[in-house]
């Protein structure tokens, strides 16, 4: 959990702006993610949430601003740069290949080799170790991803991030279109990631889910960061007020 005292950011954005013609997608946005934190980003459609995580994922280049990782300025010009810094983004579409099995999807493009040959035994051992630590169980590593449930597909995408050695996992609407039981399991996985020492950013429209998992909540509106609040020091009604503009208190922590 997040300590009460100020802690050093692991990943931070400073005065990030992005415009598309006359459309202001992001305007002077500051954001920080601390070590071992679950940080939720909330806001209505068009608030800037997606653009913000795409900047961190290397899918969108900001017009101005600075990104720091562990206190050092970094350049994220493309998804590979983001990955090289230990940041993995799990978008809603999950980027899984439905026609391939679970094992192939876990290591897609990063297969370990031994004397020039793909080391499938190491793949299986590593996959079983990582997936075994998650609350969502996969029936078989040889199962085509197309046959998996929504929650199981999330587990494969998260497992892939863990196998890449990610320090930060960004999740875009991870519980969207999931049933009650699968949603519960995905929320438990997010808690497990924090317990493993990872930092997690979650974009979500569901206030109940946000308040069940987040340490801090950042509210976006009209491309601006309206507030960042500690979950234990606010309420769902207060956050909704910040989202809609009926509550104008701007708290930066």
C-alpha atoms as a PDB file:
ATOM      1  CA  UNK A   1       0.000   0.000   0.000  1.00  0.00           C
ATOM      2  CA  UNK A   2       0.998   3.627  -0.464  1.00  0.00           C
ATOM      3  CA  UNK A   3       2.665   5.149   2.607  1.00  0.00           C
ATOM      4  CA  UNK A   4       1.259   8.288   4.168  1.00  0.00           C
ATOM      5  CA  UNK A   5       4.561  10.087   3.686  1.00  0.00           C
ATOM      6  CA  UNK A   6       5.604  11.443   0.316  1.00  0.00           C
ATOM      7  CA  UNK A   7       7.446   8.816  -1.683  1.00  0.00           C
ATOM      8  CA  UNK A   8       9.744   8.967  -4.653  1.00  0.00           C
ATOM      9  CA  UNK A   9       8.003   8.599  -8.031  1.00  0.00           C
ATOM     10  CA  UNK A  10       8.911   5.641 -10.196  1.00  0.00           C
ATOM     11  CA  UNK A  11       7.305   7.096 -13.337  1.00  0.00           C
ATOM     12  CA  UNK A  12       6.304  10.724 -13.771  1.00  0.00           C
ATOM     13  CA  UNK A  13       4.979  13.082 -16.424  1.00  0.00           C
ATOM     14  CA  UNK A  14       5.777  16.787 -16.294  1.00  0.00           C
ATOM     15  CA  UNK A  15       3.796  19.430 -18.183  1.00  0.00           C
ATOM     16  CA  UNK A  16       2.792  17.031 -20.951  1.00  0.00           C
ATOM     17  CA  UNK A  17       0.709  18.551 -23.759  1.00  0.00           C
ATOM     18  CA  UNK A  18      -0.699  17.053 -26.942  1.00  0.00           C
ATOM     19  CA  UNK A  19      -2.887  18.789 -29.518  1.00  0.00           C
ATOM     20  CA  UNK A  20      -4.519  17.486 -32.667  1.00  0.00           C
ATOM     21  CA  UNK A  21      -5.113  20.636 -34.661  1.00  0.00           C
ATOM     22  CA  UNK A  22      -7.409  22.735 -32.476  1.00  0.00           C
ATOM     23  CA  UNK A  23      -8.325  19.768 -30.283  1.00  0.00           C
ATOM     24  CA  UNK A  24      -6.625  19.794 -26.880  1.00  0.00           C
ATOM     25  CA  UNK A  25      -6.040  16.149 -25.971  1.00  0.00           C
ATOM     26  CA  UNK A  26      -3.658  16.934 -23.093  1.00  0.00           C
ATOM     27  CA  UNK A  27      -2.749  20.298 -21.583  1.00  0.00           C
ATOM     28  CA  UNK A  28       0.157  20.693 -19.129  1.00  0.00           C
ATOM     29  CA  UNK A  29      -0.496  17.356 -17.439  1.00  0.00           C
ATOM     30  CA  UNK A  30       1.531  16.312 -14.405  1.00  0.00           C
ATOM     31  CA  UNK A  31       1.277  12.752 -13.142  1.00  0.00           C
ATOM     32  CA  UNK A  32       3.294  10.475 -10.875  1.00  0.00           C
ATOM     33  CA  UNK A  33       3.302   6.768 -10.119  1.00  0.00           C
ATOM     34  CA  UNK A  34       5.136   5.626  -7.016  1.00  0.00           C
ATOM     35  CA  UNK A  35       6.793   2.320  -6.249  1.00  0.00           C
ATOM     36  CA  UNK A  36       4.388  -0.480  -5.322  1.00  0.00           C
ATOM     37  CA  UNK A  37       1.285   1.609  -6.074  1.00  0.00           C
ATOM     38  CA  UNK A  38      -1.995   1.047  -7.887  1.00  0.00           C
ATOM     39  CA  UNK A  39      -2.941   4.406  -9.416  1.00  0.00           C
ATOM     40  CA  UNK A  40      -6.322   4.761 -11.130  1.00  0.00           C
ATOM     41  CA  UNK A  41      -7.013   7.302 -13.878  1.00  0.00           C
ATOM     42  CA  UNK A  42     -10.662   8.266 -14.266  1.00  0.00           C
ATOM     43  CA  UNK A  43     -12.704  10.678 -16.364  1.00  0.00           C
ATOM     44  CA  UNK A  44     -15.426  10.862 -18.972  1.00  0.00           C
ATOM     45  CA  UNK A  45     -14.872   9.909 -22.612  1.00  0.00           C
ATOM     46  CA  UNK A  46     -12.587  12.477 -24.221  1.00  0.00           C
ATOM     47  CA  UNK A  47     -11.077  13.519 -20.891  1.00  0.00           C
ATOM     48  CA  UNK A  48      -7.546  12.602 -21.994  1.00  0.00           C
ATOM     49  CA  UNK A  49      -7.112   9.256 -20.252  1.00  0.00           C
ATOM     50  CA  UNK A  50      -6.327   7.250 -23.381  1.00  0.00           C
ATOM     51  CA  UNK A  51      -3.926   9.850 -24.778  1.00  0.00           C
ATOM     52  CA  UNK A  52      -2.153   9.987 -21.435  1.00  0.00           C
ATOM     53  CA  UNK A  53      -1.473   6.259 -21.267  1.00  0.00           C
ATOM     54  CA  UNK A  54      -0.544   6.200 -24.964  1.00  0.00           C
ATOM     55  CA  UNK A  55       2.175   8.762 -24.206  1.00  0.00           C
ATOM     56  CA  UNK A  56       3.575   6.437 -21.539  1.00  0.00           C
ATOM     57  CA  UNK A  57       3.203   3.459 -23.891  1.00  0.00           C
ATOM     58  CA  UNK A  58       5.075   5.176 -26.710  1.00  0.00           C
ATOM     59  CA  UNK A  59       2.046   5.103 -29.008  1.00  0.00           C
ATOM     60  CA  UNK A  60       1.674   8.910 -28.995  1.00  0.00           C
ATOM     61  CA  UNK A  61       4.436  11.523 -28.968  1.00  0.00           C
ATOM     62  CA  UNK A  62       3.638  14.573 -26.821  1.00  0.00           C
ATOM     63  CA  UNK A  63       4.141  18.046 -28.265  1.00  0.00           C
ATOM     64  CA  UNK A  64       5.963  19.220 -25.143  1.00  0.00           C
ATOM     65  CA  UNK A  65       6.772  17.938 -21.681  1.00  0.00           C
ATOM     66  CA  UNK A  66       9.119  15.570 -19.907  1.00  0.00           C
ATOM     67  CA  UNK A  67       8.905  11.956 -18.770  1.00  0.00           C
ATOM     68  CA  UNK A  68      11.040  10.632 -15.931  1.00  0.00           C
ATOM     69  CA  UNK A  69      11.648   7.061 -14.804  1.00  0.00           C
ATOM     70  CA  UNK A  70      13.150   6.499 -11.367  1.00  0.00           C
ATOM     71  CA  UNK A  71      14.056  10.180 -11.260  1.00  0.00           C
ATOM     72  CA  UNK A  72      15.899  10.252 -14.589  1.00  0.00           C
ATOM     73  CA  UNK A  73      14.602  11.945 -17.770  1.00  0.00           C
ATOM     74  CA  UNK A  74      13.829   9.408 -20.487  1.00  0.00           C
ATOM     75  CA  UNK A  75      12.697   9.467 -24.112  1.00  0.00           C
ATOM     76  CA  UNK A  76       9.687   7.356 -25.083  1.00  0.00           C
ATOM     77  CA  UNK A  77       9.433   7.686 -28.854  1.00  0.00           C
ATOM     78  CA  UNK A  78       7.824   4.333 -29.597  1.00  0.00           C
ATOM     79  CA  UNK A  79       6.476   1.226 -27.831  1.00  0.00           C
ATOM     80  CA  UNK A  80       9.912  -0.394 -27.801  1.00  0.00           C
ATOM     81  CA  UNK A  81      11.336   2.537 -25.820  1.00  0.00           C
ATOM     82  CA  UNK A  82       8.532   2.117 -23.295  1.00  0.00           C
ATOM     83  CA  UNK A  83       9.182  -1.620 -23.025  1.00  0.00           C
ATOM     84  CA  UNK A  84      12.929  -1.065 -22.663  1.00  0.00           C
ATOM     85  CA  UNK A  85      12.240   1.039 -19.574  1.00  0.00           C
ATOM     86  CA  UNK A  86      10.149  -1.722 -18.015  1.00  0.00           C
ATOM     87  CA  UNK A  87       6.737  -0.305 -18.921  1.00  0.00           C
ATOM     88  CA  UNK A  88       4.115  -2.622 -20.412  1.00  0.00           C
ATOM     89  CA  UNK A  89       0.670  -1.475 -21.518  1.00  0.00           C
ATOM     90  CA  UNK A  90      -2.227  -3.924 -21.650  1.00  0.00           C
ATOM     91  CA  UNK A  91      -4.764  -2.260 -23.937  1.00  0.00           C
ATOM     92  CA  UNK A  92      -8.394  -3.386 -24.113  1.00  0.00           C
ATOM     93  CA  UNK A  93      -7.742  -5.443 -27.254  1.00  0.00           C
ATOM     94  CA  UNK A  94      -4.883  -7.201 -25.339  1.00  0.00           C
ATOM     95  CA  UNK A  95      -2.779  -7.711 -28.524  1.00  0.00           C
ATOM     96  CA  UNK A  96      -3.165 -11.491 -28.373  1.00  0.00           C
ATOM     97  CA  UNK A  97      -3.048 -13.789 -31.408  1.00  0.00           C
ATOM     98  CA  UNK A  98      -6.229 -15.857 -31.222  1.00  0.00           C
ATOM     99  CA  UNK A  99      -4.947 -18.592 -33.526  1.00  0.00           C
ATOM    100  CA  UNK A 100      -1.862 -19.241 -31.368  1.00  0.00           C
ATOM    101  CA  UNK A 101      -1.772 -21.109 -28.085  1.00  0.00           C
ATOM    102  CA  UNK A 102      -1.222 -19.641 -24.635  1.00  0.00           C
ATOM    103  CA  UNK A 103       2.488 -20.477 -24.552  1.00  0.00           C
ATOM    104  CA  UNK A 104       3.172 -18.794 -27.896  1.00  0.00           C
ATOM    105  CA  UNK A 105       1.292 -15.660 -26.846  1.00  0.00           C
ATOM    106  CA  UNK A 106       3.215 -15.392 -23.596  1.00  0.00           C
ATOM    107  CA  UNK A 107       6.557 -15.257 -25.411  1.00  0.00           C
ATOM    108  CA  UNK A 108       5.560 -13.763 -28.769  1.00  0.00           C
ATOM    109  CA  UNK A 109       8.740 -12.303 -30.268  1.00  0.00           C
ATOM    110  CA  UNK A 110      10.741 -12.962 -27.082  1.00  0.00           C
ATOM    111  CA  UNK A 111      11.225 -16.725 -27.190  1.00  0.00           C
ATOM    112  CA  UNK A 112      14.253 -17.930 -25.178  1.00  0.00           C
ATOM    113  CA  UNK A 113      16.826 -19.888 -27.150  1.00  0.00           C
ATOM    114  CA  UNK A 114      19.440 -22.514 -26.395  1.00  0.00           C
ATOM    115  CA  UNK A 115      22.224 -22.940 -28.947  1.00  0.00           C
ATOM    116  CA  UNK A 116      20.095 -21.184 -31.546  1.00  0.00           C
ATOM    117  CA  UNK A 117      16.981 -23.293 -30.949  1.00  0.00           C
ATOM    118  CA  UNK A 118      13.813 -22.123 -29.225  1.00  0.00           C
ATOM    119  CA  UNK A 119      13.934 -23.505 -25.678  1.00  0.00           C
ATOM    120  CA  UNK A 120      10.338 -24.652 -25.267  1.00  0.00           C
ATOM    121  CA  UNK A 121      11.057 -26.377 -21.956  1.00  0.00           C
ATOM    122  CA  UNK A 122      12.241 -23.097 -20.452  1.00  0.00           C
ATOM    123  CA  UNK A 123       9.170 -21.419 -21.951  1.00  0.00           C
ATOM    124  CA  UNK A 124       6.898 -23.949 -20.250  1.00  0.00           C
ATOM    125  CA  UNK A 125       8.739 -23.737 -16.930  1.00  0.00           C
ATOM    126  CA  UNK A 126       8.674 -19.933 -16.872  1.00  0.00           C
ATOM    127  CA  UNK A 127       5.049 -19.808 -18.028  1.00  0.00           C
ATOM    128  CA  UNK A 128       3.890 -22.249 -15.352  1.00  0.00           C
ATOM    129  CA  UNK A 129       5.780 -20.306 -12.681  1.00  0.00           C
ATOM    130  CA  UNK A 130       4.317 -16.921 -13.631  1.00  0.00           C
ATOM    131  CA  UNK A 131       0.762 -18.071 -14.322  1.00  0.00           C
ATOM    132  CA  UNK A 132       0.777 -20.174 -11.169  1.00  0.00           C
ATOM    133  CA  UNK A 133       1.212 -16.990  -9.125  1.00  0.00           C
ATOM    134  CA  UNK A 134      -1.957 -15.414 -10.548  1.00  0.00           C
ATOM    135  CA  UNK A 135      -5.477 -16.024  -9.275  1.00  0.00           C
ATOM    136  CA  UNK A 136      -6.861 -16.708 -12.770  1.00  0.00           C
ATOM    137  CA  UNK A 137      -6.131 -20.254 -13.854  1.00  0.00           C
ATOM    138  CA  UNK A 138      -5.413 -21.233 -17.462  1.00  0.00           C
ATOM    139  CA  UNK A 139      -6.601 -24.736 -18.503  1.00  0.00           C
ATOM    140  CA  UNK A 140      -3.525 -25.548 -20.589  1.00  0.00           C
ATOM    141  CA  UNK A 141      -0.529 -23.808 -22.143  1.00  0.00           C
ATOM    142  CA  UNK A 142      -1.449 -25.503 -25.424  1.00  0.00           C
ATOM    143  CA  UNK A 143      -4.979 -24.067 -25.410  1.00  0.00           C
ATOM    144  CA  UNK A 144      -5.690 -21.646 -28.283  1.00  0.00           C
ATOM    145  CA  UNK A 145      -6.211 -18.155 -26.880  1.00  0.00           C
ATOM    146  CA  UNK A 146      -9.472 -17.923 -28.850  1.00  0.00           C
ATOM    147  CA  UNK A 147     -10.969 -20.533 -26.497  1.00  0.00           C
ATOM    148  CA  UNK A 148     -10.215 -18.586 -23.313  1.00  0.00           C
ATOM    149  CA  UNK A 149     -12.601 -16.461 -21.283  1.00  0.00           C
ATOM    150  CA  UNK A 150     -12.122 -12.711 -20.993  1.00  0.00           C
ATOM    151  CA  UNK A 151     -10.489 -13.007 -17.586  1.00  0.00           C
ATOM    152  CA  UNK A 152      -8.151 -15.759 -18.763  1.00  0.00           C
ATOM    153  CA  UNK A 153      -7.116 -13.613 -21.724  1.00  0.00           C
ATOM    154  CA  UNK A 154      -6.307 -10.799 -19.294  1.00  0.00           C
ATOM    155  CA  UNK A 155      -4.176 -13.254 -17.310  1.00  0.00           C
ATOM    156  CA  UNK A 156      -2.209 -14.185 -20.441  1.00  0.00           C
ATOM    157  CA  UNK A 157      -1.573 -10.516 -21.260  1.00  0.00           C
ATOM    158  CA  UNK A 158      -0.492  -9.807 -17.677  1.00  0.00           C
ATOM    159  CA  UNK A 159       1.645 -12.953 -17.597  1.00  0.00           C
ATOM    160  CA  UNK A 160       3.419 -11.778 -20.734  1.00  0.00           C
ATOM    161  CA  UNK A 161       4.204  -8.472 -19.015  1.00  0.00           C
ATOM    162  CA  UNK A 162       5.627 -10.294 -15.998  1.00  0.00           C
ATOM    163  CA  UNK A 163       7.777 -12.524 -18.195  1.00  0.00           C
ATOM    164  CA  UNK A 164       9.201  -9.389 -19.811  1.00  0.00           C
ATOM    165  CA  UNK A 165      10.369  -8.193 -16.402  1.00  0.00           C
ATOM    166  CA  UNK A 166       8.083  -5.171 -16.383  1.00  0.00           C
ATOM    167  CA  UNK A 167       8.213  -2.767 -13.441  1.00  0.00           C
ATOM    168  CA  UNK A 168       5.126  -0.814 -14.486  1.00  0.00           C
ATOM    169  CA  UNK A 169       1.953  -2.318 -15.947  1.00  0.00           C
ATOM    170  CA  UNK A 170      -0.646  -0.002 -17.473  1.00  0.00           C
ATOM    171  CA  UNK A 171      -4.105  -1.544 -17.819  1.00  0.00           C
ATOM    172  CA  UNK A 172      -6.812   0.012 -19.994  1.00  0.00           C
ATOM    173  CA  UNK A 173     -10.313  -0.885 -18.737  1.00  0.00           C
ATOM    174  CA  UNK A 174      -9.229  -4.368 -17.543  1.00  0.00           C
ATOM    175  CA  UNK A 175     -12.693  -5.342 -16.289  1.00  0.00           C
ATOM    176  CA  UNK A 176     -14.695  -4.106 -19.284  1.00  0.00           C
ATOM    177  CA  UNK A 177     -17.214  -6.683 -20.572  1.00  0.00           C
ATOM    178  CA  UNK A 178     -16.307  -9.224 -17.865  1.00  0.00           C
ATOM    179  CA  UNK A 179     -18.795 -11.071 -15.687  1.00  0.00           C
ATOM    180  CA  UNK A 180     -18.942 -10.661 -11.921  1.00  0.00           C
ATOM    181  CA  UNK A 181     -16.700 -13.625 -11.041  1.00  0.00           C
ATOM    182  CA  UNK A 182     -14.096 -12.855 -13.708  1.00  0.00           C
ATOM    183  CA  UNK A 183     -14.065  -9.209 -12.648  1.00  0.00           C
ATOM    184  CA  UNK A 184     -13.366 -10.296  -9.075  1.00  0.00           C
ATOM    185  CA  UNK A 185     -10.451 -12.416 -10.252  1.00  0.00           C
ATOM    186  CA  UNK A 186      -8.950  -9.625 -12.372  1.00  0.00           C
ATOM    187  CA  UNK A 187      -9.158  -7.206  -9.436  1.00  0.00           C
ATOM    188  CA  UNK A 188      -7.425  -9.842  -7.306  1.00  0.00           C
ATOM    189  CA  UNK A 189      -4.668 -10.149  -9.919  1.00  0.00           C
ATOM    190  CA  UNK A 190      -4.098  -6.385  -9.732  1.00  0.00           C
ATOM    191  CA  UNK A 191      -3.726  -6.709  -5.960  1.00  0.00           C
ATOM    192  CA  UNK A 192      -1.282  -9.582  -6.501  1.00  0.00           C
ATOM    193  CA  UNK A 193       0.809  -7.419  -8.835  1.00  0.00           C
ATOM    194  CA  UNK A 194       1.136  -4.787  -6.114  1.00  0.00           C
ATOM    195  CA  UNK A 195       2.075  -7.468  -3.585  1.00  0.00           C
ATOM    196  CA  UNK A 196       4.816  -8.615  -5.987  1.00  0.00           C
ATOM    197  CA  UNK A 197       6.279  -5.093  -5.861  1.00  0.00           C
ATOM    198  CA  UNK A 198       5.034  -3.823  -9.212  1.00  0.00           C
ATOM    199  CA  UNK A 199       3.413  -0.459  -9.879  1.00  0.00           C
ATOM    200  CA  UNK A 200       0.123  -0.475 -11.775  1.00  0.00           C
ATOM    201  CA  UNK A 201      -1.819   2.219 -13.624  1.00  0.00           C
ATOM    202  CA  UNK A 202      -5.468   1.372 -14.246  1.00  0.00           C
ATOM    203  CA  UNK A 203      -7.848   3.310 -16.485  1.00  0.00           C
ATOM    204  CA  UNK A 204     -11.423   2.589 -15.477  1.00  0.00           C
ATOM    205  CA  UNK A 205     -14.951   3.993 -15.663  1.00  0.00           C
ATOM    206  CA  UNK A 206     -16.154   1.812 -12.788  1.00  0.00           C
ATOM    207  CA  UNK A 207     -15.953   3.718  -9.487  1.00  0.00           C
ATOM    208  CA  UNK A 208     -16.664   0.613  -7.409  1.00  0.00           C
ATOM    209  CA  UNK A 209     -13.700  -1.167  -8.974  1.00  0.00           C
ATOM    210  CA  UNK A 210     -11.492   1.915  -8.620  1.00  0.00           C
ATOM    211  CA  UNK A 211     -12.233   2.198  -4.898  1.00  0.00           C
ATOM    212  CA  UNK A 212     -11.619  -1.518  -4.370  1.00  0.00           C
ATOM    213  CA  UNK A 213      -8.056  -1.447  -5.718  1.00  0.00           C
ATOM    214  CA  UNK A 214      -6.506   2.025  -6.073  1.00  0.00           C
ATOM    215  CA  UNK A 215      -4.137   3.767  -3.674  1.00  0.00           C
ATOM    216  CA  UNK A 216      -4.513   7.080  -5.500  1.00  0.00           C
ATOM    217  CA  UNK A 217      -6.951   8.374  -8.101  1.00  0.00           C
ATOM    218  CA  UNK A 218      -6.198  10.941 -10.791  1.00  0.00           C
ATOM    219  CA  UNK A 219      -9.173  12.709 -12.351  1.00  0.00           C
ATOM    220  CA  UNK A 220      -8.934  13.961 -15.934  1.00  0.00           C
ATOM    221  CA  UNK A 221     -11.317  16.411 -17.584  1.00  0.00           C
ATOM    222  CA  UNK A 222     -10.974  18.234 -20.894  1.00  0.00           C
ATOM    223  CA  UNK A 223      -7.363  17.142 -21.339  1.00  0.00           C
ATOM    224  CA  UNK A 224      -6.300  18.467 -17.941  1.00  0.00           C
ATOM    225  CA  UNK A 225      -5.459  16.772 -14.674  1.00  0.00           C
ATOM    226  CA  UNK A 226      -8.130  18.111 -12.358  1.00  0.00           C
ATOM    227  CA  UNK A 227      -7.028  16.375  -9.169  1.00  0.00           C
ATOM    228  CA  UNK A 228      -5.045  13.533  -7.667  1.00  0.00           C
ATOM    229  CA  UNK A 229      -6.472  12.218  -4.407  1.00  0.00           C
ATOM    230  CA  UNK A 230      -5.768   9.411  -1.990  1.00  0.00           C
ATOM    231  CA  UNK A 231      -8.498   6.815  -2.147  1.00  0.00           C
ATOM    232  CA  UNK A 232      -8.710   6.600   1.658  1.00  0.00           C
ATOM    233  CA  UNK A 233      -9.292  10.349   1.918  1.00  0.00           C
ATOM    234  CA  UNK A 234     -12.106  10.770  -0.598  1.00  0.00           C
ATOM    235  CA  UNK A 235     -15.460   9.320  -1.611  1.00  0.00           C
ATOM    236  CA  UNK A 236     -17.052   8.075  -4.795  1.00  0.00           C
ATOM    237  CA  UNK A 237     -19.393  11.064  -4.861  1.00  0.00           C
ATOM    238  CA  UNK A 238     -16.473  13.474  -4.528  1.00  0.00           C
ATOM    239  CA  UNK A 239     -14.600  11.828  -7.400  1.00  0.00           C
ATOM    240  CA  UNK A 240     -17.706  11.853  -9.600  1.00  0.00           C
ATOM    241  CA  UNK A 241     -18.056  15.549  -8.794  1.00  0.00           C
ATOM    242  CA  UNK A 242     -14.499  16.151  -9.972  1.00  0.00           C
ATOM    243  CA  UNK A 243     -15.189  14.211 -13.170  1.00  0.00           C
ATOM    244  CA  UNK A 244     -18.344  16.170 -13.979  1.00  0.00           C
ATOM    245  CA  UNK A 245     -17.099  19.561 -12.813  1.00  0.00           C
ATOM    246  CA  UNK A 246     -19.546  20.005  -9.952  1.00  0.00           C
ATOM    247  CA  UNK A 247     -16.695  19.733  -7.441  1.00  0.00           C
ATOM    248  CA  UNK A 248     -13.807  22.051  -8.244  1.00  0.00           C
ATOM    249  CA  UNK A 249     -11.318  21.278  -5.480  1.00  0.00           C
ATOM    250  CA  UNK A 250      -7.912  20.602  -7.048  1.00  0.00           C
ATOM    251  CA  UNK A 251      -5.762  18.474  -4.779  1.00  0.00           C
ATOM    252  CA  UNK A 252      -2.270  17.510  -5.903  1.00  0.00           C
ATOM    253  CA  UNK A 253      -0.427  14.948  -3.793  1.00  0.00           C
END
